[in-house]
Amino acid sequence: LAAIAMCRAVTEILIRVHYNQDEDTTEDTTLVPLIISTQQRSQFSFLRPYNLVNKVKEANRVLHFKNDDINHRDRSPALIREWVNVLREMIVKLRES
């Protein structure tokens, strides 16, 4: 669970602070709408194939699900591996820009 929470947190920092540094994003803006609006900007359209919205929604389901669910437990390692690779790519693209 901690790894999923960290992936979600890093995604939020990247989207809120780095990809939207010129925008007025307040803490009141929830992450999913912020990701959607960021991906709609032409310079960040490369984020769309990363399926960040789905990853954040899945993370929220895993983190806020009250019972230990086998499906979540089985999916979590794959979600983490995939998400870490996406975060690496996002950071590389930030460095290149």
Protein backbone atom coordinates (compact mmCIF):
# COMPACT_ATOMS: atom_id res chain seq x y z
CA LEU A 1 0.00 0.00 0.00
CA ALA A 2 2.84 2.38 0.80
CA ALA A 3 4.33 2.01 -2.69
CA ILE A 4 0.98 2.79 -4.31
CA ALA A 5 0.55 5.82 -2.07
CA MET A 6 4.04 7.01 -2.99
CA CYS A 7 3.37 6.62 -6.73
CA ARG A 8 0.17 8.62 -6.37
CA ALA A 9 1.96 11.30 -4.34
CA VAL A 10 4.82 11.61 -6.84
CA THR A 11 2.30 11.84 -9.68
CA GLU A 12 0.54 14.66 -7.87
CA ILE A 13 3.79 16.54 -7.24
CA LEU A 14 4.87 16.19 -10.86
CA ILE A 15 1.49 17.26 -12.26
CA ARG A 16 0.73 20.00 -9.74
CA VAL A 17 4.18 21.54 -9.26
CA HIS A 18 6.28 20.75 -12.33
CA TYR A 19 3.92 20.28 -15.26
CA ASN A 20 1.71 23.17 -14.16
CA GLN A 21 4.31 25.54 -12.78
CA ASP A 22 3.02 28.40 -14.95
CA GLU A 23 -0.61 27.74 -14.09
CA ASP A 24 -2.58 28.82 -11.06
CA THR A 25 -3.35 25.42 -9.52
CA THR A 26 -4.67 25.53 -6.01
CA GLU A 27 -4.68 22.73 -3.50
CA ASP A 28 -8.47 22.69 -3.93
CA THR A 29 -8.12 21.27 -7.44
CA THR A 30 -8.41 17.53 -7.14
CA LEU A 31 -5.85 15.40 -8.91
CA VAL A 32 -7.97 13.69 -11.57
CA PRO A 33 -9.39 16.92 -13.08
CA LEU A 34 -5.92 18.46 -12.90
CA ILE A 35 -4.41 15.53 -14.82
CA ILE A 36 -7.17 15.77 -17.44
CA SER A 37 -6.65 19.52 -17.95
CA THR A 38 -2.86 19.06 -18.09
CA GLN A 39 -3.13 16.31 -20.73
CA GLN A 40 -5.38 18.53 -22.84
CA ARG A 41 -2.60 21.08 -23.26
CA SER A 42 -0.71 20.36 -26.48
CA GLN A 43 2.76 20.41 -24.90
CA PHE A 44 1.69 17.68 -22.46
CA SER A 45 -0.39 15.51 -24.78
CA PHE A 46 2.34 12.85 -24.50
CA LEU A 47 0.98 12.13 -20.99
CA ARG A 48 -2.28 10.66 -22.36
CA PRO A 49 -0.95 7.16 -23.16
CA TYR A 50 0.32 6.84 -19.57
CA ASN A 51 -3.28 6.45 -18.35
CA LEU A 52 -2.57 8.52 -15.25
CA VAL A 53 -6.26 9.06 -14.52
CA ASN A 54 -6.88 5.32 -14.42
CA LYS A 55 -3.79 4.75 -12.27
CA VAL A 56 -4.88 7.38 -9.74
CA LYS A 57 -8.42 6.01 -9.65
CA GLU A 58 -7.13 2.48 -9.15
CA ALA A 59 -4.78 3.68 -6.42
CA ASN A 60 -7.67 5.41 -4.68
CA ARG A 61 -9.70 2.20 -4.81
CA VAL A 62 -6.83 0.16 -3.36
CA LEU A 63 -5.93 2.71 -0.70
CA HIS A 64 -9.49 3.36 0.45
CA PHE A 65 -10.93 -0.15 0.21
CA LYS A 66 -11.84 -1.35 3.69
CA ASN A 67 -11.36 -5.10 3.22
CA ASP A 68 -8.35 -7.00 1.95
CA ASP A 69 -9.37 -7.79 -1.60
CA ILE A 70 -7.61 -10.55 -3.53
CA ASN A 71 -8.07 -8.71 -6.83
CA HIS A 72 -6.33 -5.62 -5.44
CA ARG A 73 -3.57 -7.68 -3.91
CA ASP A 74 -2.94 -9.44 -7.22
CA ARG A 75 -3.01 -6.24 -9.29
CA SER A 76 -0.93 -4.06 -6.95
CA PRO A 77 2.59 -5.31 -7.90
CA ALA A 78 1.87 -4.87 -11.61
CA LEU A 79 0.37 -1.42 -11.03
CA ILE A 80 3.43 -0.35 -9.04
CA ARG A 81 5.93 -1.62 -11.64
CA GLU A 82 4.07 0.04 -14.50
CA TRP A 83 3.58 3.29 -12.59
CA VAL A 84 7.25 3.57 -11.57
CA ASN A 85 8.24 3.24 -15.23
CA VAL A 86 5.75 5.97 -16.17
CA LEU A 87 7.09 8.25 -13.43
CA ARG A 88 10.64 7.72 -14.70
CA GLU A 89 9.57 8.70 -18.20
CA MET A 90 7.73 11.76 -16.90
CA ILE A 91 10.84 12.90 -15.03
CA VAL A 92 13.07 12.34 -18.07
CA LYS A 93 10.71 14.42 -20.21
CA LEU A 94 10.80 17.20 -17.62
CA ARG A 95 14.59 17.24 -17.76
CA GLU A 96 14.51 17.37 -21.55
CA SER A 97 12.16 20.34 -21.66
